[in-house]
PDB file of N, CA and C in Angstrom:
ATOM      1  N   MET A   1      -4.930  60.882  17.551  1.00  0.00           N
ATOM      2  CA  MET A   1      -3.678  60.859  16.833  1.00  0.00           C
ATOM      3  C   MET A   1      -2.580  60.525  17.831  1.00  0.00           C
ATOM      4  N   LEU A   2      -1.791  59.540  17.517  1.00  0.00           N
ATOM      5  CA  LEU A   2      -0.612  59.169  18.301  1.00  0.00           C
ATOM      6  C   LEU A   2       0.576  59.104  17.362  1.00  0.00           C
ATOM      7  N   LEU A   3       1.627  59.825  17.703  1.00  0.00           N
ATOM      8  CA  LEU A   3       2.836  59.808  16.893  1.00  0.00           C
ATOM      9  C   LEU A   3       4.041  59.535  17.771  1.00  0.00           C
ATOM     10  N   THR A   4       4.871  58.604  17.363  1.00  0.00           N
ATOM     11  CA  THR A   4       6.152  58.456  18.036  1.00  0.00           C
ATOM     12  C   THR A   4       7.017  59.648  17.632  1.00  0.00           C
ATOM     13  N   TYR A   5       8.107  59.828  18.314  1.00  0.00           N
ATOM     14  CA  TYR A   5       8.994  60.944  17.969  1.00  0.00           C
ATOM     15  C   TYR A   5       9.493  60.808  16.531  1.00  0.00           C
ATOM     16  N   GLN A   6       9.821  59.593  16.111  1.00  0.00           N
ATOM     17  CA  GLN A   6      10.279  59.391  14.737  1.00  0.00           C
ATOM     18  C   GLN A   6       9.182  59.745  13.734  1.00  0.00           C
ATOM     19  N   GLN A   7       7.955  59.368  14.036  1.00  0.00           N
ATOM     20  CA  GLN A   7       6.836  59.717  13.157  1.00  0.00           C
ATOM     21  C   GLN A   7       6.614  61.230  13.130  1.00  0.00           C
ATOM     22  N   LEU A   8       6.825  61.879  14.271  1.00  0.00           N
ATOM     23  CA  LEU A   8       6.720  63.336  14.320  1.00  0.00           C
ATOM     24  C   LEU A   8       7.768  63.970  13.412  1.00  0.00           C
ATOM     25  N   LEU A   9       8.997  63.472  13.477  1.00  0.00           N
ATOM     26  CA  LEU A   9      10.055  63.983  12.596  1.00  0.00           C
ATOM     27  C   LEU A   9       9.653  63.826  11.128  1.00  0.00           C
ATOM     28  N   ASP A  10       9.112  62.664  10.780  1.00  0.00           N
ATOM     29  CA  ASP A  10       8.679  62.423   9.406  1.00  0.00           C
ATOM     30  C   ASP A  10       7.557  63.378   9.004  1.00  0.00           C
ATOM     31  N   MET A  11       6.580  63.556   9.900  1.00  0.00           N
ATOM     32  CA  MET A  11       5.443  64.416   9.582  1.00  0.00           C
ATOM     33  C   MET A  11       5.884  65.853   9.344  1.00  0.00           C
ATOM     34  N   VAL A  12       6.856  66.315  10.106  1.00  0.00           N
ATOM     35  CA  VAL A  12       7.312  67.700   9.990  1.00  0.00           C
ATOM     36  C   VAL A  12       8.139  67.917   8.725  1.00  0.00           C
ATOM     37  N   ASP A  13       8.875  66.904   8.276  1.00  0.00           N
ATOM     38  CA  ASP A  13       9.827  67.093   7.173  1.00  0.00           C
ATOM     39  C   ASP A  13       9.466  66.440   5.844  1.00  0.00           C
ATOM     40  N   ASP A  14       8.750  65.341   5.882  1.00  0.00           N
ATOM     41  CA  ASP A  14       8.520  64.548   4.678  1.00  0.00           C
ATOM     42  C   ASP A  14       7.431  65.174   3.801  1.00  0.00           C
ATOM     43  N   PRO A  15       7.702  65.362   2.515  1.00  0.00           N
ATOM     44  CA  PRO A  15       6.702  65.950   1.610  1.00  0.00           C
ATOM     45  C   PRO A  15       5.394  65.157   1.542  1.00  0.00           C
ATOM     46  N   ARG A  16       5.444  63.869   1.861  1.00  0.00           N
ATOM     47  CA  ARG A  16       4.220  63.056   1.831  1.00  0.00           C
ATOM     48  C   ARG A  16       3.171  63.556   2.816  1.00  0.00           C
ATOM     49  N   TYR A  17       3.606  64.303   3.837  1.00  0.00           N
ATOM     50  CA  TYR A  17       2.692  64.741   4.889  1.00  0.00           C
ATOM     51  C   TYR A  17       2.321  66.218   4.784  1.00  0.00           C
ATOM     52  N   ALA A  18       2.423  66.761   3.591  1.00  0.00           N
ATOM     53  CA  ALA A  18       2.100  68.181   3.380  1.00  0.00           C
ATOM     54  C   ALA A  18       0.663  68.501   3.789  1.00  0.00           C
ATOM     55  N   ASP A  19      -0.276  67.608   3.516  1.00  0.00           N
ATOM     56  CA  ASP A  19      -1.668  67.844   3.891  1.00  0.00           C
ATOM     57  C   ASP A  19      -1.840  67.878   5.414  1.00  0.00           C
ATOM     58  N   TRP A  20      -1.131  66.994   6.109  1.00  0.00           N
ATOM     59  CA  TRP A  20      -1.170  67.002   7.573  1.00  0.00           C
ATOM     60  C   TRP A  20      -0.619  68.318   8.110  1.00  0.00           C
ATOM     61  N   ARG A  21       0.498  68.744   7.554  1.00  0.00           N
ATOM     62  CA  ARG A  21       1.102  70.007   8.008  1.00  0.00           C
ATOM     63  C   ARG A  21       0.152  71.169   7.763  1.00  0.00           C
ATOM     64  N   ALA A  22      -0.496  71.185   6.617  1.00  0.00           N
ATOM     65  CA  ALA A  22      -1.446  72.261   6.317  1.00  0.00           C
ATOM     66  C   ALA A  22      -2.583  72.266   7.335  1.00  0.00           C
ATOM     67  N   ALA A  23      -3.111  71.102   7.660  1.00  0.00           N
ATOM     68  CA  ALA A  23      -4.206  71.018   8.626  1.00  0.00           C
ATOM     69  C   ALA A  23      -3.752  71.436  10.023  1.00  0.00           C
ATOM     70  N   LEU A  24      -2.613  70.936  10.457  1.00  0.00           N
ATOM     71  CA  LEU A  24      -2.126  71.245  11.806  1.00  0.00           C
ATOM     72  C   LEU A  24      -1.655  72.685  11.950  1.00  0.00           C
ATOM     73  N   SER A  25      -1.368  73.341  10.847  1.00  0.00           N
ATOM     74  CA  SER A  25      -0.964  74.745  10.917  1.00  0.00           C
ATOM     75  C   SER A  25      -2.165  75.667  11.092  1.00  0.00           C
ATOM     76  N   GLU A  26      -3.365  75.129  10.939  1.00  0.00           N
ATOM     77  CA  GLU A  26      -4.584  75.930  11.031  1.00  0.00           C
ATOM     78  C   GLU A  26      -5.319  75.791  12.360  1.00  0.00           C
ATOM     79  N   VAL A  27      -4.925  74.837  13.193  1.00  0.00           N
ATOM     80  CA  VAL A  27      -5.700  74.585  14.411  1.00  0.00           C
ATOM     81  C   VAL A  27      -4.865  74.775  15.676  1.00  0.00           C
ATOM     82  N   GLN A  28      -5.591  75.190  16.713  1.00  0.00           N
ATOM     83  CA  GLN A  28      -5.030  75.245  18.057  1.00  0.00           C
ATOM     84  C   GLN A  28      -5.408  73.941  18.742  1.00  0.00           C
ATOM     85  N   GLY A  29      -4.791  73.647  19.874  1.00  0.00           N
ATOM     86  CA  GLY A  29      -5.217  72.440  20.544  1.00  0.00           C
ATOM     87  C   GLY A  29      -4.477  72.130  21.815  1.00  0.00           C
ATOM     88  N   ILE A  30      -4.917  71.049  22.423  1.00  0.00           N
ATOM     89  CA  ILE A  30      -4.314  70.497  23.623  1.00  0.00           C
ATOM     90  C   ILE A  30      -3.660  69.185  23.208  1.00  0.00           C
ATOM     91  N   TYR A  31      -2.418  69.015  23.620  1.00  0.00           N
ATOM     92  CA  TYR A  31      -1.715  67.788  23.269  1.00  0.00           C
ATOM     93  C   TYR A  31      -1.007  67.228  24.486  1.00  0.00           C
ATOM     94  N   LEU A  32      -0.619  65.987  24.382  1.00  0.00           N
ATOM     95  CA  LEU A  32       0.038  65.277  25.461  1.00  0.00           C
ATOM     96  C   LEU A  32       1.315  64.651  24.920  1.00  0.00           C
ATOM     97  N   ILE A  33       2.379  64.807  25.678  1.00  0.00           N
ATOM     98  CA  ILE A  33       3.623  64.110  25.368  1.00  0.00           C
ATOM     99  C   ILE A  33       3.827  63.098  26.486  1.00  0.00           C
ATOM    100  N   THR A  34       3.982  61.843  26.121  1.00  0.00           N
ATOM    101  CA  THR A  34       4.192  60.787  27.101  1.00  0.00           C
ATOM    102  C   THR A  34       5.574  60.194  26.895  1.00  0.00           C
ATOM    103  N   ASP A  35       6.312  60.057  27.986  1.00  0.00           N
ATOM    104  CA  ASP A  35       7.604  59.379  27.949  1.00  0.00           C
ATOM    105  C   ASP A  35       7.308  57.901  28.144  1.00  0.00           C
ATOM    106  N   SER A  36       7.450  57.112  27.097  1.00  0.00           N
ATOM    107  CA  SER A  36       7.059  55.705  27.151  1.00  0.00           C
ATOM    108  C   SER A  36       7.973  54.868  28.041  1.00  0.00           C
ATOM    109  N   THR A  37       9.116  55.407  28.465  1.00  0.00           N
ATOM    110  CA  THR A  37      10.001  54.636  29.345  1.00  0.00           C
ATOM    111  C   THR A  37       9.567  54.691  30.802  1.00  0.00           C
ATOM    112  N   ASN A  38       8.900  55.784  31.199  1.00  0.00           N
ATOM    113  CA  ASN A  38       8.534  55.908  32.608  1.00  0.00           C
ATOM    114  C   ASN A  38       7.070  56.322  32.818  1.00  0.00           C
ATOM    115  N   GLY A  39       6.331  56.563  31.743  1.00  0.00           N
ATOM    116  CA  GLY A  39       4.927  56.911  31.846  1.00  0.00           C
ATOM    117  C   GLY A  39       4.634  58.357  32.219  1.00  0.00           C
ATOM    118  N   LYS A  40       5.656  59.178  32.390  1.00  0.00           N
ATOM    119  CA  LYS A  40       5.409  60.578  32.721  1.00  0.00           C
ATOM    120  C   LYS A  40       4.707  61.261  31.564  1.00  0.00           C
ATOM    121  N   GLN A  41       3.787  62.148  31.928  1.00  0.00           N
ATOM    122  CA  GLN A  41       2.982  62.833  30.932  1.00  0.00           C
ATOM    123  C   GLN A  41       3.133  64.335  31.061  1.00  0.00           C
ATOM    124  N   TYR A  42       3.172  65.002  29.913  1.00  0.00           N
ATOM    125  CA  TYR A  42       3.327  66.442  29.848  1.00  0.00           C
ATOM    126  C   TYR A  42       2.199  66.997  28.984  1.00  0.00           C
ATOM    127  N   PHE A  43       1.213  67.633  29.641  1.00  0.00           N
ATOM    128  CA  PHE A  43       0.097  68.248  28.926  1.00  0.00           C
ATOM    129  C   PHE A  43       0.503  69.651  28.512  1.00  0.00           C
ATOM    130  N   ARG A  44       0.196  70.005  27.291  1.00  0.00           N
ATOM    131  CA  ARG A  44       0.546  71.327  26.787  1.00  0.00           C
ATOM    132  C   ARG A  44      -0.547  71.829  25.852  1.00  0.00           C
ATOM    133  N   LYS A  45      -0.456  73.101  25.537  1.00  0.00           N
ATOM    134  CA  LYS A  45      -1.395  73.702  24.597  1.00  0.00           C
ATOM    135  C   LYS A  45      -0.617  74.352  23.462  1.00  0.00           C
ATOM    136  N   ALA A  46      -1.273  74.479  22.366  1.00  0.00           N
ATOM    137  CA  ALA A  46      -0.733  75.215  21.224  1.00  0.00           C
ATOM    138  C   ALA A  46      -1.828  76.168  20.805  1.00  0.00           C
ATOM    139  N   ASP A  47      -1.580  77.447  21.054  1.00  0.00           N
ATOM    140  CA  ASP A  47      -2.584  78.436  20.695  1.00  0.00           C
ATOM    141  C   ASP A  47      -1.903  79.619  20.034  1.00  0.00           C
ATOM    142  N   GLY A  48      -2.673  80.622  19.745  1.00  0.00           N
ATOM    143  CA  GLY A  48      -2.092  81.789  19.097  1.00  0.00           C
ATOM    144  C   GLY A  48      -1.585  81.452  17.710  1.00  0.00           C
ATOM    145  N   SER A  49      -0.553  82.152  17.289  1.00  0.00           N
ATOM    146  CA  SER A  49      -0.055  81.990  15.920  1.00  0.00           C
ATOM    147  C   SER A  49       0.749  80.715  15.701  1.00  0.00           C
ATOM    148  N   GLU A  50       1.222  80.084  16.778  1.00  0.00           N
ATOM    149  CA  GLU A  50       2.048  78.879  16.612  1.00  0.00           C
ATOM    150  C   GLU A  50       1.250  77.682  16.099  1.00  0.00           C
ATOM    151  N   ARG A  51       0.047  77.541  16.603  1.00  0.00           N
ATOM    152  CA  ARG A  51      -0.809  76.419  16.256  1.00  0.00           C
ATOM    153  C   ARG A  51      -0.103  75.096  16.595  1.00  0.00           C
ATOM    154  N   ILE A  52      -0.746  73.994  16.283  1.00  0.00           N
ATOM    155  CA  ILE A  52      -0.178  72.676  16.593  1.00  0.00           C
ATOM    156  C   ILE A  52       1.114  72.446  15.808  1.00  0.00           C
ATOM    157  N   LEU A  53       1.097  72.737  14.535  1.00  0.00           N
ATOM    158  CA  LEU A  53       2.285  72.478  13.723  1.00  0.00           C
ATOM    159  C   LEU A  53       3.492  73.255  14.231  1.00  0.00           C
ATOM    160  N   GLY A  54       3.311  74.494  14.595  1.00  0.00           N
ATOM    161  CA  GLY A  54       4.430  75.297  15.092  1.00  0.00           C
ATOM    162  C   GLY A  54       5.054  74.708  16.340  1.00  0.00           C
ATOM    163  N   ARG A  55       4.209  74.300  17.287  1.00  0.00           N
ATOM    164  CA  ARG A  55       4.734  73.710  18.521  1.00  0.00           C
ATOM    165  C   ARG A  55       5.425  72.383  18.242  1.00  0.00           C
ATOM    166  N   TRP A  56       4.769  71.521  17.467  1.00  0.00           N
ATOM    167  CA  TRP A  56       5.345  70.204  17.230  1.00  0.00           C
ATOM    168  C   TRP A  56       6.612  70.290  16.387  1.00  0.00           C
ATOM    169  N   SER A  57       6.701  71.263  15.517  1.00  0.00           N
ATOM    170  CA  SER A  57       7.938  71.447  14.746  1.00  0.00           C
ATOM    171  C   SER A  57       9.096  71.792  15.665  1.00  0.00           C
ATOM    172  N   THR A  58       8.820  72.558  16.707  1.00  0.00           N
ATOM    173  CA  THR A  58       9.865  72.904  17.673  1.00  0.00           C
ATOM    174  C   THR A  58      10.338  71.665  18.414  1.00  0.00           C
ATOM    175  N   TYR A  59       9.409  70.792  18.803  1.00  0.00           N
ATOM    176  CA  TYR A  59       9.812  69.539  19.458  1.00  0.00           C
ATOM    177  C   TYR A  59      10.644  68.681  18.506  1.00  0.00           C
ATOM    178  N   ALA A  60      10.256  68.646  17.249  1.00  0.00           N
ATOM    179  CA  ALA A  60      11.008  67.858  16.271  1.00  0.00           C
ATOM    180  C   ALA A  60      12.423  68.396  16.123  1.00  0.00           C
ATOM    181  N   LYS A  61      12.574  69.698  16.219  1.00  0.00           N
ATOM    182  CA  LYS A  61      13.883  70.328  16.043  1.00  0.00           C
ATOM    183  C   LYS A  61      14.849  69.999  17.168  1.00  0.00           C
ATOM    184  N   ASP A  62      14.370  70.095  18.426  1.00  0.00           N
ATOM    185  CA  ASP A  62      15.317  69.948  19.533  1.00  0.00           C
ATOM    186  C   ASP A  62      14.922  68.903  20.580  1.00  0.00           C
ATOM    187  N   GLY A  63      13.761  68.299  20.446  1.00  0.00           N
ATOM    188  CA  GLY A  63      13.348  67.256  21.380  1.00  0.00           C
ATOM    189  C   GLY A  63      12.736  67.754  22.669  1.00  0.00           C
ATOM    190  N   HIS A  64      12.780  69.058  22.928  1.00  0.00           N
ATOM    191  CA  HIS A  64      12.184  69.567  24.159  1.00  0.00           C
ATOM    192  C   HIS A  64      11.266  70.756  23.940  1.00  0.00           C
ATOM    193  N   GLY A  65      11.324  71.399  22.808  1.00  0.00           N
ATOM    194  CA  GLY A  65      10.413  72.490  22.484  1.00  0.00           C
ATOM    195  C   GLY A  65      10.455  73.661  23.439  1.00  0.00           C
ATOM    196  N   GLY A  66      11.535  73.775  24.197  1.00  0.00           N
ATOM    197  CA  GLY A  66      11.642  74.855  25.165  1.00  0.00           C
ATOM    198  C   GLY A  66      10.971  74.547  26.490  1.00  0.00           C
ATOM    199  N   ASN A  67      10.306  73.409  26.589  1.00  0.00           N
ATOM    200  CA  ASN A  67       9.644  72.998  27.820  1.00  0.00           C
ATOM    201  C   ASN A  67      10.700  72.722  28.885  1.00  0.00           C
ATOM    202  N   ILE A  68      10.584  73.358  30.039  1.00  0.00           N
ATOM    203  CA  ILE A  68      11.607  73.255  31.085  1.00  0.00           C
ATOM    204  C   ILE A  68      11.817  71.816  31.533  1.00  0.00           C
ATOM    205  N   ALA A  69      10.722  71.090  31.824  1.00  0.00           N
ATOM    206  CA  ALA A  69      10.847  69.709  32.296  1.00  0.00           C
ATOM    207  C   ALA A  69      11.492  68.817  31.239  1.00  0.00           C
ATOM    208  N   LEU A  70      11.106  68.985  29.982  1.00  0.00           N
ATOM    209  CA  LEU A  70      11.682  68.159  28.918  1.00  0.00           C
ATOM    210  C   LEU A  70      13.114  68.578  28.599  1.00  0.00           C
ATOM    211  N   ARG A  71      13.408  69.860  28.765  1.00  0.00           N
ATOM    212  CA  ARG A  71      14.771  70.341  28.529  1.00  0.00           C
ATOM    213  C   ARG A  71      15.742  69.691  29.516  1.00  0.00           C
ATOM    214  N   GLU A  72      15.285  69.504  30.754  1.00  0.00           N
ATOM    215  CA  GLU A  72      16.132  68.845  31.750  1.00  0.00           C
ATOM    216  C   GLU A  72      16.470  67.420  31.332  1.00  0.00           C
ATOM    217  N   LEU A  73      15.546  66.747  30.670  1.00  0.00           N
ATOM    218  CA  LEU A  73      15.807  65.389  30.182  1.00  0.00           C
ATOM    219  C   LEU A  73      16.790  65.385  29.016  1.00  0.00           C
ATOM    220  N   ALA A  74      16.892  66.519  28.324  1.00  0.00           N
ATOM    221  CA  ALA A  74      17.705  66.594  27.118  1.00  0.00           C
ATOM    222  C   ALA A  74      19.187  66.809  27.405  1.00  0.00           C
ATOM    223  N   TYR A  75      19.520  67.110  28.663  1.00  0.00           N
ATOM    224  CA  TYR A  75      20.910  67.403  28.997  1.00  0.00           C
ATOM    225  C   TYR A  75      21.381  66.529  30.152  1.00  0.00           C
ATOM    226  N   ILE A  76      22.651  66.197  30.119  1.00  0.00           N
ATOM    227  CA  ILE A  76      23.272  65.483  31.227  1.00  0.00           C
ATOM    228  C   ILE A  76      24.432  66.327  31.742  1.00  0.00           C
ATOM    229  N   SER A  77      24.692  66.189  33.017  1.00  0.00           N
ATOM    230  CA  SER A  77      25.826  66.904  33.601  1.00  0.00           C
ATOM    231  C   SER A  77      27.085  66.078  33.391  1.00  0.00           C
ATOM    232  N   VAL A  78      28.133  66.746  32.992  1.00  0.00           N
ATOM    233  CA  VAL A  78      29.433  66.099  32.821  1.00  0.00           C
ATOM    234  C   VAL A  78      30.406  66.758  33.791  1.00  0.00           C
ATOM    235  N   PRO A  79      31.539  66.125  34.054  1.00  0.00           N
ATOM    236  CA  PRO A  79      32.501  66.707  34.994  1.00  0.00           C
ATOM    237  C   PRO A  79      32.811  68.170  34.665  1.00  0.00           C
ATOM    238  N   GLY A  80      32.943  68.954  35.719  1.00  0.00           N
ATOM    239  CA  GLY A  80      33.212  70.377  35.544  1.00  0.00           C
ATOM    240  C   GLY A  80      31.950  71.216  35.568  1.00  0.00           C
ATOM    241  N   GLY A  81      30.788  70.580  35.860  1.00  0.00           N
ATOM    242  CA  GLY A  81      29.535  71.321  35.946  1.00  0.00           C
ATOM    243  C   GLY A  81      28.960  71.731  34.605  1.00  0.00           C
ATOM    244  N   VAL A  82      29.470  71.161  33.527  1.00  0.00           N
ATOM    245  CA  VAL A  82      28.992  71.492  32.189  1.00  0.00           C
ATOM    246  C   VAL A  82      27.830  70.571  31.828  1.00  0.00           C
ATOM    247  N   LYS A  83      26.855  71.104  31.116  1.00  0.00           N
ATOM    248  CA  LYS A  83      25.729  70.292  30.641  1.00  0.00           C
ATOM    249  C   LYS A  83      25.943  69.976  29.173  1.00  0.00           C
ATOM    250  N   LYS A  84      25.737  68.723  28.832  1.00  0.00           N
ATOM    251  CA  LYS A  84      25.908  68.267  27.452  1.00  0.00           C
ATOM    252  C   LYS A  84      24.563  67.737  26.960  1.00  0.00           C
ATOM    253  N   GLN A  85      24.197  68.123  25.724  1.00  0.00           N
ATOM    254  CA  GLN A  85      22.920  67.688  25.184  1.00  0.00           C
ATOM    255  C   GLN A  85      22.984  66.242  24.720  1.00  0.00           C
ATOM    256  N   LYS A  86      21.958  65.484  25.108  1.00  0.00           N
ATOM    257  CA  LYS A  86      21.816  64.112  24.617  1.00  0.00           C
ATOM    258  C   LYS A  86      21.258  64.178  23.209  1.00  0.00           C
ATOM    259  N   THR A  87      21.470  63.142  22.449  1.00  0.00           N
ATOM    260  CA  THR A  87      20.942  63.136  21.082  1.00  0.00           C
ATOM    261  C   THR A  87      19.723  62.241  20.930  1.00  0.00           C
ATOM    262  N   ASP A  88      19.432  61.420  21.937  1.00  0.00           N
ATOM    263  CA  ASP A  88      18.360  60.440  21.763  1.00  0.00           C
ATOM    264  C   ASP A  88      17.278  60.491  22.842  1.00  0.00           C
ATOM    265  N   HIS A  89      17.263  61.521  23.661  1.00  0.00           N
ATOM    266  CA  HIS A  89      16.325  61.555  24.779  1.00  0.00           C
ATOM    267  C   HIS A  89      14.866  61.534  24.344  1.00  0.00           C
ATOM    268  N   ALA A  90      14.546  62.088  23.202  1.00  0.00           N
ATOM    269  CA  ALA A  90      13.150  62.225  22.781  1.00  0.00           C
ATOM    270  C   ALA A  90      12.628  61.000  22.039  1.00  0.00           C
ATOM    271  N   ARG A  91      13.467  60.048  21.738  1.00  0.00           N
ATOM    272  CA  ARG A  91      12.998  58.920  20.918  1.00  0.00           C
ATOM    273  C   ARG A  91      11.922  58.088  21.619  1.00  0.00           C
ATOM    274  N   GLN A  92      11.811  58.209  22.949  1.00  0.00           N
ATOM    275  CA  GLN A  92      10.787  57.479  23.688  1.00  0.00           C
ATOM    276  C   GLN A  92       9.475  58.250  23.800  1.00  0.00           C
ATOM    277  N   PHE A  93       9.420  59.474  23.303  1.00  0.00           N
ATOM    278  CA  PHE A  93       8.229  60.299  23.441  1.00  0.00           C
ATOM    279  C   PHE A  93       7.149  59.889  22.446  1.00  0.00           C
ATOM    280  N   VAL A  94       5.907  59.954  22.919  1.00  0.00           N
ATOM    281  CA  VAL A  94       4.740  59.729  22.082  1.00  0.00           C
ATOM    282  C   VAL A  94       3.893  61.001  22.168  1.00  0.00           C
ATOM    283  N   PHE A  95       3.525  61.539  21.034  1.00  0.00           N
ATOM    284  CA  PHE A  95       2.753  62.777  20.944  1.00  0.00           C
ATOM    285  C   PHE A  95       1.306  62.435  20.622  1.00  0.00           C
ATOM    286  N   SER A  96       0.390  62.978  21.416  1.00  0.00           N
ATOM    287  CA  SER A  96      -1.041  62.727  21.237  1.00  0.00           C
ATOM    288  C   SER A  96      -1.768  64.055  21.114  1.00  0.00           C
ATOM    289  N   LEU A  97      -2.640  64.146  20.179  1.00  0.00           N
ATOM    290  CA  LEU A  97      -3.488  65.320  20.033  1.00  0.00           C
ATOM    291  C   LEU A  97      -4.793  65.009  20.747  1.00  0.00           C
ATOM    292  N   LEU A  98      -5.080  65.747  21.821  1.00  0.00           N
ATOM    293  CA  LEU A  98      -6.235  65.444  22.660  1.00  0.00           C
ATOM    294  C   LEU A  98      -7.483  66.230  22.290  1.00  0.00           C
ATOM    295  N   ARG A  99      -7.293  67.491  21.924  1.00  0.00           N
ATOM    296  CA  ARG A  99      -8.442  68.327  21.594  1.00  0.00           C
ATOM    297  C   ARG A  99      -8.014  69.386  20.595  1.00  0.00           C
ATOM    298  N   VAL A 100      -8.867  69.634  19.637  1.00  0.00           N
ATOM    299  CA  VAL A 100      -8.579  70.595  18.575  1.00  0.00           C
ATOM    300  C   VAL A 100      -9.573  71.754  18.676  1.00  0.00           C
ATOM    301  N   PHE A 101      -9.061  72.962  18.456  1.00  0.00           N
ATOM    302  CA  PHE A 101      -9.880  74.170  18.445  1.00  0.00           C
ATOM    303  C   PHE A 101      -9.637  74.901  17.129  1.00  0.00           C
ATOM    304  N   GLY A 102     -10.654  75.562  16.650  1.00  0.00           N
ATOM    305  CA  GLY A 102     -10.520  76.361  15.449  1.00  0.00           C
ATOM    306  C   GLY A 102      -9.596  77.551  15.676  1.00  0.00           C
ATOM    307  N   PRO A 103      -9.116  78.144  14.597  1.00  0.00           N
ATOM    308  CA  PRO A 103      -8.159  79.236  14.713  1.00  0.00           C
ATOM    309  C   PRO A 103      -8.707  80.483  15.404  1.00  0.00           C
ATOM    310  N   SER A 104     -10.020  80.659  15.440  1.00  0.00           N
ATOM    311  CA  SER A 104     -10.581  81.858  16.065  1.00  0.00           C
ATOM    312  C   SER A 104     -11.050  81.615  17.508  1.00  0.00           C
ATOM    313  N   THR A 105     -10.804  80.427  18.034  1.00  0.00           N
ATOM    314  CA  THR A 105     -11.197  80.136  19.413  1.00  0.00           C
ATOM    315  C   THR A 105     -10.414  81.042  20.361  1.00  0.00           C
ATOM    316  N   PRO A 106     -11.095  81.692  21.297  1.00  0.00           N
ATOM    317  CA  PRO A 106     -10.391  82.574  22.235  1.00  0.00           C
ATOM    318  C   PRO A 106      -9.388  81.793  23.094  1.00  0.00           C
ATOM    319  N   SER A 107      -8.281  82.440  23.398  1.00  0.00           N
ATOM    320  CA  SER A 107      -7.248  81.778  24.192  1.00  0.00           C
ATOM    321  C   SER A 107      -7.762  81.395  25.578  1.00  0.00           C
ATOM    322  N   THR A 108      -8.749  82.111  26.106  1.00  0.00           N
ATOM    323  CA  THR A 108      -9.303  81.750  27.411  1.00  0.00           C
ATOM    324  C   THR A 108      -9.944  80.364  27.376  1.00  0.00           C
ATOM    325  N   GLU A 109     -10.561  80.018  26.256  1.00  0.00           N
ATOM    326  CA  GLU A 109     -11.174  78.690  26.119  1.00  0.00           C
ATOM    327  C   GLU A 109     -10.103  77.604  26.016  1.00  0.00           C
ATOM    328  N   VAL A 110      -9.041  77.886  25.284  1.00  0.00           N
ATOM    329  CA  VAL A 110      -7.944  76.923  25.167  1.00  0.00           C
ATOM    330  C   VAL A 110      -7.259  76.754  26.528  1.00  0.00           C
ATOM    331  N   ASN A 111      -7.047  77.844  27.237  1.00  0.00           N
ATOM    332  CA  ASN A 111      -6.436  77.793  28.562  1.00  0.00           C
ATOM    333  C   ASN A 111      -7.278  76.970  29.528  1.00  0.00           C
ATOM    334  N   ALA A 112      -8.584  77.157  29.487  1.00  0.00           N
ATOM    335  CA  ALA A 112      -9.484  76.413  30.364  1.00  0.00           C
ATOM    336  C   ALA A 112      -9.419  74.908  30.064  1.00  0.00           C
ATOM    337  N   ALA A 113      -9.344  74.563  28.790  1.00  0.00           N
ATOM    338  CA  ALA A 113      -9.251  73.158  28.396  1.00  0.00           C
ATOM    339  C   ALA A 113      -7.931  72.550  28.863  1.00  0.00           C
ATOM    340  N   GLU A 114      -6.850  73.307  28.767  1.00  0.00           N
ATOM    341  CA  GLU A 114      -5.558  72.797  29.225  1.00  0.00           C
ATOM    342  C   GLU A 114      -5.587  72.567  30.732  1.00  0.00           C
ATOM    343  N   SER A 115      -6.175  73.491  31.481  1.00  0.00           N
ATOM    344  CA  SER A 115      -6.250  73.357  32.931  1.00  0.00           C
ATOM    345  C   SER A 115      -7.116  72.172  33.356  1.00  0.00           C
ATOM    346  N   HIS A 116      -8.143  71.907  32.555  1.00  0.00           N
ATOM    347  CA  HIS A 116      -9.064  70.818  32.878  1.00  0.00           C
ATOM    348  C   HIS A 116      -8.326  69.500  32.802  1.00  0.00           C
TER     349      HIS A 116
END
């Protein structure tokens, strides 16, 4: 599965994708976010109660999902030492689902897969 940021926004909000949301809300997994402008890759996991849908919904909401490295891309420094949020930083991101785990998979197995 490969989704551009715009496709991710559609999947999270559009009623046409209700079946996708239902499926992604039931599984844990390992996913990759790639910045298509520079090729940087961010491997992450979605486990526990958040599942894939919970994590990806957070990225759709703010473009960084609380991820420290991605959050830095979301803000620019302006005069006076103030940080201002960009509105388009995530549009270059591509979301890939690399591995899916069932809802009862132990977190140690998901952690091991993320580390691998």
